[in-house]
Amino acid sequence: MFHVSGFSHVTLPVEQHAEVLERLRDEWIARGYELKNFRILPDGAGAELDLVRPADGFQFSWATSGDRVWIALIIVSPCVRSPDGKYPG
């Protein structure tokens, strides 16, 4: 069994991170995702958000970067198996 994951980021001033992640939280919960974690970092230094879709196990995580100039997005699939059982080969 394997999972597929991806990473991207959005450049955004740290002062806007919490507000943007709060909006993402509300929108994705309305789409059927379940909240795993939402946390505003101390002194407004960013935020974290983790969601999962119970129907299929897809997970999305957004987090303030260490240098606070962007928000990272990580997407992880549930475990998968290739049709021929030989993934990734």
Protein backbone atom coordinates (compact mmCIF):
# COMPACT_ATOMS: atom_id res chain seq x y z
CA MET A 1 0.00 0.00 0.00
CA PHE A 2 1.14 3.52 -0.77
CA HIS A 3 -0.11 7.07 -0.38
CA VAL A 4 0.30 10.01 -2.70
CA SER A 5 1.22 13.43 -1.36
CA GLY A 6 1.90 16.87 -2.77
CA PHE A 7 3.21 20.19 -1.54
CA SER A 8 2.75 23.78 -2.59
CA HIS A 9 2.83 27.19 -0.95
CA VAL A 10 1.27 30.63 -1.16
CA THR A 11 3.27 33.79 -0.43
CA LEU A 12 1.30 35.90 2.03
CA PRO A 13 2.20 38.34 4.85
CA VAL A 14 2.05 36.62 8.24
CA GLU A 15 -0.52 39.14 9.48
CA GLN A 16 -3.03 37.57 7.06
CA HIS A 17 -2.30 33.88 7.75
CA ALA A 18 -4.81 33.33 10.57
CA GLU A 19 -7.64 35.11 8.76
CA VAL A 20 -7.04 33.17 5.54
CA LEU A 21 -6.85 29.82 7.35
CA GLU A 22 -10.05 30.62 9.28
CA ARG A 23 -11.82 31.21 5.95
CA LEU A 24 -10.35 28.01 4.48
CA ARG A 25 -11.47 26.09 7.59
CA ASP A 26 -15.05 27.29 7.25
CA GLU A 27 -15.21 26.67 3.49
CA TRP A 28 -13.74 23.15 3.64
CA ILE A 29 -15.91 22.12 6.61
CA ALA A 30 -18.92 23.22 4.54
CA ARG A 31 -17.65 20.88 1.78
CA GLY A 32 -17.71 17.89 4.12
CA TYR A 33 -14.21 17.89 5.58
CA GLU A 34 -13.66 17.27 9.29
CA LEU A 35 -11.48 19.55 11.39
CA LYS A 36 -8.45 17.78 12.92
CA ASN A 37 -6.56 20.85 14.13
CA PHE A 38 -6.76 24.63 14.01
CA ARG A 39 -4.30 26.71 15.95
CA ILE A 40 -3.24 30.34 15.88
CA LEU A 41 0.43 30.58 16.82
CA PRO A 42 1.49 32.75 19.78
CA ASP A 43 1.68 36.51 19.20
CA GLY A 44 -0.11 36.21 15.86
CA ALA A 45 2.94 34.59 14.28
CA GLY A 46 0.82 32.51 11.90
CA ALA A 47 -1.51 29.52 12.07
CA GLU A 48 -2.01 25.81 11.35
CA LEU A 49 -5.01 23.99 9.89
CA ASP A 50 -5.53 20.26 9.32
CA LEU A 51 -8.62 18.73 7.72
CA VAL A 52 -9.64 15.25 6.60
CA ARG A 53 -12.52 14.06 4.43
CA PRO A 54 -13.98 11.06 6.30
CA ALA A 55 -15.61 9.67 3.15
CA ASP A 56 -12.27 8.83 1.52
CA GLY A 57 -9.44 9.78 3.91
CA PHE A 58 -7.91 12.64 1.91
CA GLN A 59 -6.07 15.06 4.21
CA PHE A 60 -5.15 18.71 3.72
CA SER A 61 -2.77 20.65 5.96
CA TRP A 62 -1.94 24.34 5.81
CA ALA A 63 0.78 25.83 8.02
CA THR A 64 2.71 29.04 8.39
CA SER A 65 6.28 28.70 7.16
CA GLY A 66 9.25 28.94 9.49
CA ASP A 67 10.23 32.31 8.03
CA ARG A 68 6.57 33.46 8.13
CA VAL A 69 6.41 34.64 4.53
CA TRP A 70 4.22 31.87 3.10
CA ILE A 71 1.63 29.24 3.93
CA ALA A 72 2.51 25.65 3.06
CA LEU A 73 -0.15 23.31 1.68
CA ILE A 74 0.33 19.55 2.02
CA ILE A 75 -2.14 17.09 0.48
CA VAL A 76 -2.05 13.40 1.40
CA SER A 77 -4.20 10.66 -0.10
CA PRO A 78 -5.46 7.65 1.78
CA CYS A 79 -3.55 4.42 1.17
CA VAL A 80 -3.83 3.29 -2.43
CA ARG A 81 -2.79 0.29 -4.46
CA SER A 82 -2.10 0.35 -8.18
CA PRO A 83 -4.47 -1.68 -10.39
CA ASP A 84 -1.71 -4.17 -11.21
CA GLY A 85 -0.31 -4.24 -7.64
CA LYS A 86 3.15 -3.18 -8.85
CA TYR A 87 3.11 0.53 -7.95
CA PRO A 88 5.38 2.42 -8.25
CA GLY A 89 7.27 0.07 -10.56
